[in-house]
Amino acid sequence: MPGLFPQVRHRYVGIDISPQAIKFVELSRSQGAFKLQAYAIEPLPAGLADDQTGAEPKSVVQVLLKALAEAAVVARDAAVAIPDGRLICKTLEVEAGLSEVELELHVRLEAEQYVPYALEDVALDFEVQGNSLSHPTRVNVHMVACRQEALEWYRSVLSDVGLNLRVVAVQSHAMARGVDAMVSGLALQGAVAVVDCATHTTQLSIVQQGEVIYSRELLFGHATAGVQAFQSTLVQHLERGLELFVESGIKGVVSMIVLAGEAVSNPGTTQWVEDRLGVPTRTANPFLAMSLNPALAPETLLCHAPVLLTACGLALRGFD
């Protein structure tokens, strides 16, 4: 008899670790619908290197343990992201029809040309993405490599807080998945320009059909003094960044701008950008189509959502 027993909600936690802070999102899924169960944004001790994997894991473990406990996270499976700058990514053209063993051997041989250190020190993964447009008898294979020690750092952190590392994703791919969650119900006819504002730099990513097709660092951050100064600088750099995207020759027309990061929670920033660039602009919120744990305050989440785009994308990735 249906309905006598509650459905088990599988849960995943997506953990986005930067040198400045830990951001995590815990999601559950039931009958295909996602629910936000918990989240947190916790600053890390000052002084971590740009690559936090060079720091002792315990400096992160203590903060993460406290945040997970305070948020009452139930999930034991986790997904993390490695920043794109710490990875070697390459799309290879490979003869179609190779077996899994042959394909793996081919990718490893190709990796030797692009990876500047011994392959035994490397974590290597690849994914077949479909037929090559220029050579129909070949397929595109996306290869990703990182230092094994970086991967072990994340594994050590999660193990020490009682979590199982199930997924390691490319940071930009996780961000793109968070964007997809936000715009999935919209009838967009083009790409989405995602502007992620950090303290000193801002990342512009063009996302189309769940993939980042263009990325560029904009040399400014929300440390710019004053709201008006920040908004003016944002528009100036974004306008130039979008011009460079057009000049790059990559096919794609930006039909929406999504603003992410701490500074964009100011309610006037989104309208300021839309008015001056003439492109529909939204503040990042990947939870729009999700139900919420009643313990969460919707008003507070609205302020925090722009910072949780990548963490949400990571949690969603766990359900694949």
C-alpha atoms as a PDB file:
ATOM      1  CA  MET A   1       0.000   0.000   0.000  1.00  0.00           C
ATOM      2  CA  PRO A   2       1.686   3.252  -1.123  1.00  0.00           C
ATOM      3  CA  GLY A   3       2.051   6.114   1.291  1.00  0.00           C
ATOM      4  CA  LEU A   4       2.570   4.135   4.507  1.00  0.00           C
ATOM      5  CA  PHE A   5       6.318   4.643   4.538  1.00  0.00           C
ATOM      6  CA  PRO A   6       8.128   7.939   3.965  1.00  0.00           C
ATOM      7  CA  GLN A   7      10.344   8.116   0.899  1.00  0.00           C
ATOM      8  CA  VAL A   8      14.066   8.167   1.597  1.00  0.00           C
ATOM      9  CA  ARG A   9      15.566  11.393   0.315  1.00  0.00           C
ATOM     10  CA  HIS A  10      19.096  10.865  -0.930  1.00  0.00           C
ATOM     11  CA  ARG A  11      21.251  13.853  -0.046  1.00  0.00           C
ATOM     12  CA  TYR A  12      24.416  15.392  -1.412  1.00  0.00           C
ATOM     13  CA  VAL A  13      26.522  18.262  -0.145  1.00  0.00           C
ATOM     14  CA  GLY A  14      28.454  20.462  -2.574  1.00  0.00           C
ATOM     15  CA  ILE A  15      31.503  22.130  -1.009  1.00  0.00           C
ATOM     16  CA  ASP A  16      33.181  25.131  -2.627  1.00  0.00           C
ATOM     17  CA  ILE A  17      36.493  25.916  -0.878  1.00  0.00           C
ATOM     18  CA  SER A  18      38.353  29.117  -1.735  1.00  0.00           C
ATOM     19  CA  PRO A  19      41.291  30.738   0.103  1.00  0.00           C
ATOM     20  CA  GLN A  20      38.801  33.132   1.744  1.00  0.00           C
ATOM     21  CA  ALA A  21      35.822  30.975   2.669  1.00  0.00           C
ATOM     22  CA  ILE A  22      33.992  27.660   2.635  1.00  0.00           C
ATOM     23  CA  LYS A  23      30.574  27.632   0.983  1.00  0.00           C
ATOM     24  CA  PHE A  24      28.447  24.512   1.029  1.00  0.00           C
ATOM     25  CA  VAL A  25      24.964  23.500  -0.040  1.00  0.00           C
ATOM     26  CA  GLU A  26      23.090  20.360   1.002  1.00  0.00           C
ATOM     27  CA  LEU A  27      20.353  19.173  -1.372  1.00  0.00           C
ATOM     28  CA  SER A  28      17.926  16.275  -1.256  1.00  0.00           C
ATOM     29  CA  ARG A  29      15.868  14.870  -4.101  1.00  0.00           C
ATOM     30  CA  SER A  30      12.485  13.171  -4.011  1.00  0.00           C
ATOM     31  CA  GLN A  31      10.489  12.173  -7.089  1.00  0.00           C
ATOM     32  CA  GLY A  32      12.780  14.268  -9.254  1.00  0.00           C
ATOM     33  CA  ALA A  33      12.320  17.473  -7.234  1.00  0.00           C
ATOM     34  CA  PHE A  34      15.190  19.095  -5.349  1.00  0.00           C
ATOM     35  CA  LYS A  35      14.995  20.597  -1.888  1.00  0.00           C
ATOM     36  CA  LEU A  36      17.529  22.873  -0.215  1.00  0.00           C
ATOM     37  CA  GLN A  37      18.148  21.333   3.178  1.00  0.00           C
ATOM     38  CA  ALA A  38      21.037  23.439   4.474  1.00  0.00           C
ATOM     39  CA  TYR A  39      23.807  25.812   3.457  1.00  0.00           C
ATOM     40  CA  ALA A  40      26.615  27.830   5.024  1.00  0.00           C
ATOM     41  CA  ILE A  41      29.201  30.466   4.163  1.00  0.00           C
ATOM     42  CA  GLU A  42      32.123  30.410   6.609  1.00  0.00           C
ATOM     43  CA  PRO A  43      35.258  32.586   6.374  1.00  0.00           C
ATOM     44  CA  LEU A  44      38.620  30.841   6.619  1.00  0.00           C
ATOM     45  CA  PRO A  45      41.594  32.092   8.657  1.00  0.00           C
ATOM     46  CA  ALA A  46      43.521  34.898   6.986  1.00  0.00           C
ATOM     47  CA  GLY A  47      46.830  33.980   5.435  1.00  0.00           C
ATOM     48  CA  LEU A  48      45.907  30.955   3.302  1.00  0.00           C
ATOM     49  CA  ALA A  49      47.771  30.881   0.009  1.00  0.00           C
ATOM     50  CA  ASP A  50      46.034  31.510  -3.304  1.00  0.00           C
ATOM     51  CA  ASP A  51      46.168  27.756  -3.698  1.00  0.00           C
ATOM     52  CA  GLN A  52      44.712  26.653  -0.381  1.00  0.00           C
ATOM     53  CA  THR A  53      45.799  23.052  -1.021  1.00  0.00           C
ATOM     54  CA  GLY A  54      49.250  24.187   0.062  1.00  0.00           C
ATOM     55  CA  ALA A  55      47.911  24.768   3.584  1.00  0.00           C
ATOM     56  CA  GLU A  56      47.536  22.168   6.305  1.00  0.00           C
ATOM     57  CA  PRO A  57      44.137  20.443   5.903  1.00  0.00           C
ATOM     58  CA  LYS A  58      43.409  20.934   9.619  1.00  0.00           C
ATOM     59  CA  SER A  59      43.133  24.706   9.101  1.00  0.00           C
ATOM     60  CA  VAL A  60      40.118  24.036   6.882  1.00  0.00           C
ATOM     61  CA  VAL A  61      38.810  20.957   8.714  1.00  0.00           C
ATOM     62  CA  GLN A  62      38.075  22.857  11.943  1.00  0.00           C
ATOM     63  CA  VAL A  63      36.003  25.485  10.150  1.00  0.00           C
ATOM     64  CA  LEU A  64      34.172  22.934   8.020  1.00  0.00           C
ATOM     65  CA  LEU A  65      33.377  20.660  10.976  1.00  0.00           C
ATOM     66  CA  LYS A  66      31.843  23.546  12.909  1.00  0.00           C
ATOM     67  CA  ALA A  67      29.806  24.751   9.929  1.00  0.00           C
ATOM     68  CA  LEU A  68      28.461  21.279   9.089  1.00  0.00           C
ATOM     69  CA  ALA A  69      27.409  20.741  12.709  1.00  0.00           C
ATOM     70  CA  GLU A  70      25.704  24.129  13.017  1.00  0.00           C
ATOM     71  CA  ALA A  71      23.817  23.568   9.759  1.00  0.00           C
ATOM     72  CA  ALA A  72      22.808  20.040  10.888  1.00  0.00           C
ATOM     73  CA  VAL A  73      23.975  18.503   7.616  1.00  0.00           C
ATOM     74  CA  VAL A  74      22.833  14.898   7.191  1.00  0.00           C
ATOM     75  CA  ALA A  75      24.490  14.032   3.853  1.00  0.00           C
ATOM     76  CA  ARG A  76      27.587  11.839   3.939  1.00  0.00           C
ATOM     77  CA  ASP A  77      28.387  12.067   0.220  1.00  0.00           C
ATOM     78  CA  ALA A  78      30.103  15.186  -1.075  1.00  0.00           C
ATOM     79  CA  ALA A  79      31.252  16.877  -4.269  1.00  0.00           C
ATOM     80  CA  VAL A  80      34.091  19.408  -4.460  1.00  0.00           C
ATOM     81  CA  ALA A  81      35.516  21.612  -7.197  1.00  0.00           C
ATOM     82  CA  ILE A  82      39.103  22.256  -8.207  1.00  0.00           C
ATOM     83  CA  PRO A  83      39.722  25.763  -9.623  1.00  0.00           C
ATOM     84  CA  ASP A  84      40.274  25.834 -13.374  1.00  0.00           C
ATOM     85  CA  GLY A  85      43.675  27.480 -12.880  1.00  0.00           C
ATOM     86  CA  ARG A  86      44.900  24.399 -10.984  1.00  0.00           C
ATOM     87  CA  LEU A  87      43.915  22.054 -13.812  1.00  0.00           C
ATOM     88  CA  ILE A  88      45.168  21.183 -17.260  1.00  0.00           C
ATOM     89  CA  CYS A  89      42.185  20.868 -19.591  1.00  0.00           C
ATOM     90  CA  LYS A  90      42.430  19.876 -23.238  1.00  0.00           C
ATOM     91  CA  THR A  91      39.969  18.737 -25.893  1.00  0.00           C
ATOM     92  CA  LEU A  92      41.461  15.968 -28.025  1.00  0.00           C
ATOM     93  CA  GLU A  93      40.281  14.600 -31.359  1.00  0.00           C
ATOM     94  CA  VAL A  94      40.374  10.797 -31.264  1.00  0.00           C
ATOM     95  CA  GLU A  95      39.456   8.121 -33.783  1.00  0.00           C
ATOM     96  CA  ALA A  96      35.876   6.938 -33.240  1.00  0.00           C
ATOM     97  CA  GLY A  97      35.157   3.344 -32.242  1.00  0.00           C
ATOM     98  CA  LEU A  98      38.040   2.789 -29.835  1.00  0.00           C
ATOM     99  CA  SER A  99      37.433   0.468 -26.890  1.00  0.00           C
ATOM    100  CA  GLU A 100      37.544   1.870 -23.347  1.00  0.00           C
ATOM    101  CA  VAL A 101      41.039   0.422 -22.842  1.00  0.00           C
ATOM    102  CA  GLU A 102      42.300   1.789 -26.181  1.00  0.00           C
ATOM    103  CA  LEU A 103      40.783   5.198 -25.475  1.00  0.00           C
ATOM    104  CA  GLU A 104      42.392   5.386 -22.030  1.00  0.00           C
ATOM    105  CA  LEU A 105      45.792   4.443 -23.465  1.00  0.00           C
ATOM    106  CA  HIS A 106      45.438   7.064 -26.213  1.00  0.00           C
ATOM    107  CA  VAL A 107      44.518   9.792 -23.716  1.00  0.00           C
ATOM    108  CA  ARG A 108      47.483   8.922 -21.492  1.00  0.00           C
ATOM    109  CA  LEU A 109      49.849   9.138 -24.470  1.00  0.00           C
ATOM    110  CA  GLU A 110      48.377  12.500 -25.441  1.00  0.00           C
ATOM    111  CA  ALA A 111      48.597  13.723 -21.827  1.00  0.00           C
ATOM    112  CA  GLU A 112      52.363  13.315 -21.886  1.00  0.00           C
ATOM    113  CA  GLN A 113      52.512  16.199 -24.376  1.00  0.00           C
ATOM    114  CA  TYR A 114      50.525  18.607 -22.211  1.00  0.00           C
ATOM    115  CA  VAL A 115      51.233  17.680 -18.575  1.00  0.00           C
ATOM    116  CA  PRO A 116      54.542  19.180 -17.353  1.00  0.00           C
ATOM    117  CA  TYR A 117      55.158  16.569 -14.630  1.00  0.00           C
ATOM    118  CA  ALA A 118      55.365  12.800 -14.321  1.00  0.00           C
ATOM    119  CA  LEU A 119      52.066  11.059 -15.082  1.00  0.00           C
ATOM    120  CA  GLU A 120      52.382   8.897 -11.962  1.00  0.00           C
ATOM    121  CA  ASP A 121      51.953  12.135  -9.974  1.00  0.00           C
ATOM    122  CA  VAL A 122      48.809  13.067 -11.901  1.00  0.00           C
ATOM    123  CA  ALA A 123      45.099  12.394 -11.469  1.00  0.00           C
ATOM    124  CA  LEU A 124      43.784  12.055 -15.026  1.00  0.00           C
ATOM    125  CA  ASP A 125      40.203  11.833 -16.259  1.00  0.00           C
ATOM    126  CA  PHE A 126      38.454  12.182 -19.605  1.00  0.00           C
ATOM    127  CA  GLU A 127      34.986  12.286 -21.152  1.00  0.00           C
ATOM    128  CA  VAL A 128      33.822  11.623 -24.710  1.00  0.00           C
ATOM    129  CA  GLN A 129      31.795  14.655 -25.813  1.00  0.00           C
ATOM    130  CA  GLY A 130      30.544  13.615 -29.250  1.00  0.00           C
ATOM    131  CA  ASN A 131      31.594  13.656 -32.885  1.00  0.00           C
ATOM    132  CA  SER A 132      34.067  16.229 -34.146  1.00  0.00           C
ATOM    133  CA  LEU A 133      32.460  18.865 -36.378  1.00  0.00           C
ATOM    134  CA  SER A 134      35.566  19.090 -38.562  1.00  0.00           C
ATOM    135  CA  HIS A 135      36.252  15.327 -38.799  1.00  0.00           C
ATOM    136  CA  PRO A 136      33.055  13.175 -38.716  1.00  0.00           C
ATOM    137  CA  THR A 137      35.064   9.963 -38.243  1.00  0.00           C
ATOM    138  CA  ARG A 138      36.613  11.258 -35.023  1.00  0.00           C
ATOM    139  CA  VAL A 139      35.222  12.167 -31.587  1.00  0.00           C
ATOM    140  CA  ASN A 140      36.052  14.980 -29.181  1.00  0.00           C
ATOM    141  CA  VAL A 141      37.435  13.841 -25.845  1.00  0.00           C
ATOM    142  CA  HIS A 142      37.750  16.330 -22.987  1.00  0.00           C
ATOM    143  CA  MET A 143      40.813  15.570 -20.848  1.00  0.00           C
ATOM    144  CA  VAL A 144      41.369  16.974 -17.350  1.00  0.00           C
ATOM    145  CA  ALA A 145      44.522  16.511 -15.270  1.00  0.00           C
ATOM    146  CA  CYS A 146      45.654  17.774 -11.875  1.00  0.00           C
ATOM    147  CA  ARG A 147      48.384  17.025  -9.376  1.00  0.00           C
ATOM    148  CA  GLN A 148      47.587  13.940  -7.331  1.00  0.00           C
ATOM    149  CA  GLU A 149      48.559  15.797  -4.168  1.00  0.00           C
ATOM    150  CA  ALA A 150      45.831  18.392  -4.752  1.00  0.00           C
ATOM    151  CA  LEU A 151      43.232  15.653  -5.066  1.00  0.00           C
ATOM    152  CA  GLU A 152      44.520  13.980  -1.899  1.00  0.00           C
ATOM    153  CA  TRP A 153      44.236  17.304  -0.036  1.00  0.00           C
ATOM    154  CA  TYR A 154      40.500  17.475  -0.734  1.00  0.00           C
ATOM    155  CA  ARG A 155      40.090  13.802   0.099  1.00  0.00           C
ATOM    156  CA  SER A 156      41.893  14.331   3.416  1.00  0.00           C
ATOM    157  CA  VAL A 157      39.734  17.329   4.368  1.00  0.00           C
ATOM    158  CA  LEU A 158      36.490  15.507   3.642  1.00  0.00           C
ATOM    159  CA  SER A 159      37.607  12.306   5.354  1.00  0.00           C
ATOM    160  CA  ASP A 160      38.499  14.241   8.512  1.00  0.00           C
ATOM    161  CA  VAL A 161      34.981  15.702   8.712  1.00  0.00           C
ATOM    162  CA  GLY A 162      33.297  12.356   8.062  1.00  0.00           C
ATOM    163  CA  LEU A 163      32.317  12.889   4.428  1.00  0.00           C
ATOM    164  CA  ASN A 164      32.853  10.630   1.422  1.00  0.00           C
ATOM    165  CA  LEU A 165      34.390  12.336  -1.609  1.00  0.00           C
ATOM    166  CA  ARG A 166      32.220  11.081  -4.465  1.00  0.00           C
ATOM    167  CA  VAL A 167      32.699  13.760  -7.134  1.00  0.00           C
ATOM    168  CA  VAL A 168      35.573  16.072  -8.070  1.00  0.00           C
ATOM    169  CA  ALA A 169      34.466  18.638 -10.647  1.00  0.00           C
ATOM    170  CA  VAL A 170      36.026  21.449 -12.632  1.00  0.00           C
ATOM    171  CA  GLN A 171      34.977  24.656 -10.879  1.00  0.00           C
ATOM    172  CA  SER A 172      33.672  26.377 -14.014  1.00  0.00           C
ATOM    173  CA  HIS A 173      31.611  23.279 -14.905  1.00  0.00           C
ATOM    174  CA  ALA A 174      30.016  23.307 -11.435  1.00  0.00           C
ATOM    175  CA  MET A 175      29.219  26.999 -11.798  1.00  0.00           C
ATOM    176  CA  ALA A 176      27.603  26.326 -15.199  1.00  0.00           C
ATOM    177  CA  ARG A 177      25.418  23.642 -13.633  1.00  0.00           C
ATOM    178  CA  GLY A 178      24.268  26.162 -11.009  1.00  0.00           C
ATOM    179  CA  VAL A 179      23.379  28.582 -13.803  1.00  0.00           C
ATOM    180  CA  ASP A 180      21.390  25.851 -15.581  1.00  0.00           C
ATOM    181  CA  ALA A 181      19.364  25.293 -12.407  1.00  0.00           C
ATOM    182  CA  MET A 182      18.515  28.981 -12.346  1.00  0.00           C
ATOM    183  CA  VAL A 183      17.511  29.432 -16.004  1.00  0.00           C
ATOM    184  CA  SER A 184      16.108  25.965 -16.816  1.00  0.00           C
ATOM    185  CA  GLY A 185      12.523  27.235 -16.784  1.00  0.00           C
ATOM    186  CA  LEU A 186      13.249  30.204 -19.035  1.00  0.00           C
ATOM    187  CA  ALA A 187      12.952  30.162 -22.819  1.00  0.00           C
ATOM    188  CA  LEU A 188      16.417  31.553 -23.478  1.00  0.00           C
ATOM    189  CA  GLN A 189      17.519  31.839 -27.100  1.00  0.00           C
ATOM    190  CA  GLY A 190      21.195  32.418 -26.398  1.00  0.00           C
ATOM    191  CA  ALA A 191      24.052  32.239 -23.943  1.00  0.00           C
ATOM    192  CA  VAL A 192      24.293  33.485 -20.358  1.00  0.00           C
ATOM    193  CA  ALA A 193      27.115  35.787 -19.247  1.00  0.00           C
ATOM    194  CA  VAL A 194      27.978  34.987 -15.629  1.00  0.00           C
ATOM    195  CA  VAL A 195      29.878  37.660 -13.712  1.00  0.00           C
ATOM    196  CA  ASP A 196      31.396  36.316 -10.489  1.00  0.00           C
ATOM    197  CA  CYS A 197      32.712  39.209  -8.398  1.00  0.00           C
ATOM    198  CA  ALA A 198      35.489  38.408  -5.913  1.00  0.00           C
ATOM    199  CA  THR A 199      37.433  40.812  -3.709  1.00  0.00           C
ATOM    200  CA  HIS A 200      40.100  41.835  -6.206  1.00  0.00           C
ATOM    201  CA  THR A 201      39.181  40.110  -9.475  1.00  0.00           C
ATOM    202  CA  THR A 202      36.014  39.221 -11.342  1.00  0.00           C
ATOM    203  CA  GLN A 203      35.477  36.226 -13.606  1.00  0.00           C
ATOM    204  CA  LEU A 204      33.370  36.546 -16.744  1.00  0.00           C
ATOM    205  CA  SER A 205      32.109  33.201 -18.078  1.00  0.00           C
ATOM    206  CA  ILE A 206      29.845  32.679 -21.070  1.00  0.00           C
ATOM    207  CA  VAL A 207      27.648  29.619 -20.532  1.00  0.00           C
ATOM    208  CA  GLN A 208      25.704  27.993 -23.347  1.00  0.00           C
ATOM    209  CA  GLN A 209      23.724  24.746 -23.020  1.00  0.00           C
ATOM    210  CA  GLY A 210      25.461  23.889 -19.770  1.00  0.00           C
ATOM    211  CA  GLU A 211      29.005  24.460 -21.052  1.00  0.00           C
ATOM    212  CA  VAL A 212      31.430  27.327 -20.506  1.00  0.00           C
ATOM    213  CA  ILE A 213      32.338  28.424 -24.046  1.00  0.00           C
ATOM    214  CA  TYR A 214      34.393  31.489 -23.056  1.00  0.00           C
ATOM    215  CA  SER A 215      36.054  32.732 -19.883  1.00  0.00           C
ATOM    216  CA  ARG A 216      38.031  35.830 -19.028  1.00  0.00           C
ATOM    217  CA  GLU A 217      39.324  37.463 -15.861  1.00  0.00           C
ATOM    218  CA  LEU A 218      38.275  41.095 -15.385  1.00  0.00           C
ATOM    219  CA  LEU A 219      40.846  42.998 -13.372  1.00  0.00           C
ATOM    220  CA  PHE A 220      38.645  44.564 -10.708  1.00  0.00           C
ATOM    221  CA  GLY A 221      36.782  43.371  -7.633  1.00  0.00           C
ATOM    222  CA  HIS A 222      34.196  44.419  -5.095  1.00  0.00           C
ATOM    223  CA  ALA A 223      36.936  46.031  -2.992  1.00  0.00           C
ATOM    224  CA  THR A 224      36.319  49.085  -5.221  1.00  0.00           C
ATOM    225  CA  ALA A 225      35.284  51.824  -2.796  1.00  0.00           C
ATOM    226  CA  GLY A 226      31.592  52.687  -2.612  1.00  0.00           C
ATOM    227  CA  VAL A 227      28.542  51.156  -4.282  1.00  0.00           C
ATOM    228  CA  GLN A 228      28.398  53.697  -7.116  1.00  0.00           C
ATOM    229  CA  ALA A 229      32.089  53.318  -7.896  1.00  0.00           C
ATOM    230  CA  PHE A 230      31.721  49.544  -7.961  1.00  0.00           C
ATOM    231  CA  GLN A 231      28.656  49.663 -10.212  1.00  0.00           C
ATOM    232  CA  SER A 232      30.316  52.019 -12.694  1.00  0.00           C
ATOM    233  CA  THR A 233      33.488  49.943 -12.788  1.00  0.00           C
ATOM    234  CA  LEU A 234      31.445  46.747 -13.191  1.00  0.00           C
ATOM    235  CA  VAL A 235      29.588  48.087 -16.229  1.00  0.00           C
ATOM    236  CA  GLN A 236      32.783  49.415 -17.807  1.00  0.00           C
ATOM    237  CA  HIS A 237      34.701  46.139 -17.469  1.00  0.00           C
ATOM    238  CA  LEU A 238      31.721  43.965 -18.358  1.00  0.00           C
ATOM    239  CA  GLU A 239      30.998  45.947 -21.501  1.00  0.00           C
ATOM    240  CA  ARG A 240      34.612  45.503 -22.622  1.00  0.00           C
ATOM    241  CA  GLY A 241      34.579  41.816 -21.667  1.00  0.00           C
ATOM    242  CA  LEU A 242      31.478  41.195 -23.793  1.00  0.00           C
ATOM    243  CA  GLU A 243      33.082  43.041 -26.717  1.00  0.00           C
ATOM    244  CA  LEU A 244      36.125  40.770 -26.478  1.00  0.00           C
ATOM    245  CA  PHE A 245      33.856  37.725 -26.455  1.00  0.00           C
ATOM    246  CA  VAL A 246      32.261  38.878 -29.723  1.00  0.00           C
ATOM    247  CA  GLU A 247      35.702  39.585 -31.210  1.00  0.00           C
ATOM    248  CA  SER A 248      36.891  36.087 -30.235  1.00  0.00           C
ATOM    249  CA  GLY A 249      34.743  34.610 -33.009  1.00  0.00           C
ATOM    250  CA  ILE A 250      33.138  32.021 -30.720  1.00  0.00           C
ATOM    251  CA  LYS A 251      29.569  31.394 -31.791  1.00  0.00           C
ATOM    252  CA  GLY A 252      27.034  32.573 -29.258  1.00  0.00           C
ATOM    253  CA  VAL A 253      24.844  35.574 -28.485  1.00  0.00           C
ATOM    254  CA  VAL A 254      24.454  36.709 -24.885  1.00  0.00           C
ATOM    255  CA  SER A 255      20.757  36.929 -24.029  1.00  0.00           C
ATOM    256  CA  MET A 256      21.086  37.260 -20.241  1.00  0.00           C
ATOM    257  CA  ILE A 257      23.604  38.434 -17.648  1.00  0.00           C
ATOM    258  CA  VAL A 258      23.773  36.726 -14.238  1.00  0.00           C
ATOM    259  CA  LEU A 259      25.583  38.526 -11.413  1.00  0.00           C
ATOM    260  CA  ALA A 260      27.195  36.375  -8.716  1.00  0.00           C
ATOM    261  CA  GLY A 261      29.387  37.049  -5.686  1.00  0.00           C
ATOM    262  CA  GLU A 262      29.093  39.038  -2.475  1.00  0.00           C
ATOM    263  CA  ALA A 263      28.822  42.546  -3.889  1.00  0.00           C
ATOM    264  CA  VAL A 264      25.874  41.917  -6.205  1.00  0.00           C
ATOM    265  CA  SER A 265      23.395  41.411  -3.364  1.00  0.00           C
ATOM    266  CA  ASN A 266      22.988  45.204  -3.402  1.00  0.00           C
ATOM    267  CA  PRO A 267      19.467  45.528  -4.877  1.00  0.00           C
ATOM    268  CA  GLY A 268      20.356  48.363  -7.231  1.00  0.00           C
ATOM    269  CA  THR A 269      23.292  46.670  -8.993  1.00  0.00           C
ATOM    270  CA  THR A 270      21.260  44.339 -11.211  1.00  0.00           C
ATOM    271  CA  GLN A 271      19.025  47.126 -12.534  1.00  0.00           C
ATOM    272  CA  TRP A 272      22.039  49.414 -13.020  1.00  0.00           C
ATOM    273  CA  VAL A 273      23.746  46.852 -15.283  1.00  0.00           C
ATOM    274  CA  GLU A 274      20.557  46.079 -17.238  1.00  0.00           C
ATOM    275  CA  ASP A 275      19.773  49.748 -17.846  1.00  0.00           C
ATOM    276  CA  ARG A 276      23.255  50.550 -19.123  1.00  0.00           C
ATOM    277  CA  LEU A 277      23.985  47.443 -21.199  1.00  0.00           C
ATOM    278  CA  GLY A 278      20.467  46.766 -22.449  1.00  0.00           C
ATOM    279  CA  VAL A 279      20.672  43.045 -21.633  1.00  0.00           C
ATOM    280  CA  PRO A 280      18.246  41.337 -19.195  1.00  0.00           C
ATOM    281  CA  THR A 281      20.184  40.947 -15.942  1.00  0.00           C
ATOM    282  CA  ARG A 282      19.463  38.783 -12.906  1.00  0.00           C
ATOM    283  CA  THR A 283      21.101  38.227  -9.539  1.00  0.00           C
ATOM    284  CA  ALA A 284      22.297  34.624  -9.204  1.00  0.00           C
ATOM    285  CA  ASN A 285      19.845  32.371  -7.374  1.00  0.00           C
ATOM    286  CA  PRO A 286      20.039  28.669  -8.314  1.00  0.00           C
ATOM    287  CA  PHE A 287      17.343  27.784  -5.753  1.00  0.00           C
ATOM    288  CA  LEU A 288      14.424  29.454  -7.538  1.00  0.00           C
ATOM    289  CA  ALA A 289      12.750  26.178  -8.560  1.00  0.00           C
ATOM    290  CA  MET A 290      13.551  24.318  -5.316  1.00  0.00           C
ATOM    291  CA  SER A 291      11.569  23.895  -2.140  1.00  0.00           C
ATOM    292  CA  LEU A 292      13.241  24.978   1.103  1.00  0.00           C
ATOM    293  CA  ASN A 293      13.755  23.395   4.477  1.00  0.00           C
ATOM    294  CA  PRO A 294      11.283  25.280   6.736  1.00  0.00           C
ATOM    295  CA  ALA A 295      14.186  26.068   9.072  1.00  0.00           C
ATOM    296  CA  LEU A 296      15.741  28.301   6.399  1.00  0.00           C
ATOM    297  CA  ALA A 297      14.771  31.973   6.153  1.00  0.00           C
ATOM    298  CA  PRO A 298      13.915  32.862   2.505  1.00  0.00           C
ATOM    299  CA  GLU A 299      14.925  36.507   2.991  1.00  0.00           C
ATOM    300  CA  THR A 300      18.364  35.538   4.274  1.00  0.00           C
ATOM    301  CA  LEU A 301      18.832  32.989   1.501  1.00  0.00           C
ATOM    302  CA  LEU A 302      18.049  35.681  -1.065  1.00  0.00           C
ATOM    303  CA  CYS A 303      21.080  37.638   0.181  1.00  0.00           C
ATOM    304  CA  HIS A 304      23.359  34.581   0.287  1.00  0.00           C
ATOM    305  CA  ALA A 305      22.296  32.884  -2.973  1.00  0.00           C
ATOM    306  CA  PRO A 306      24.673  34.861  -5.267  1.00  0.00           C
ATOM    307  CA  VAL A 307      27.649  33.377  -3.387  1.00  0.00           C
ATOM    308  CA  LEU A 308      26.349  29.789  -3.519  1.00  0.00           C
ATOM    309  CA  LEU A 309      26.159  29.281  -7.292  1.00  0.00           C
ATOM    310  CA  THR A 310      29.133  26.900  -7.546  1.00  0.00           C
ATOM    311  CA  ALA A 311      28.331  25.021  -4.327  1.00  0.00           C
ATOM    312  CA  CYS A 312      24.784  24.406  -5.586  1.00  0.00           C
ATOM    313  CA  GLY A 313      26.098  23.208  -8.932  1.00  0.00           C
ATOM    314  CA  LEU A 314      28.363  20.766  -7.105  1.00  0.00           C
ATOM    315  CA  ALA A 315      25.509  19.363  -5.014  1.00  0.00           C
ATOM    316  CA  LEU A 316      23.428  18.905  -8.167  1.00  0.00           C
ATOM    317  CA  ARG A 317      26.365  17.148  -9.848  1.00  0.00           C
ATOM    318  CA  GLY A 318      26.258  14.500  -7.141  1.00  0.00           C
ATOM    319  CA  PHE A 319      22.848  13.273  -8.316  1.00  0.00           C
ATOM    320  CA  ASP A 320      24.029  12.439 -11.853  1.00  0.00           C
END
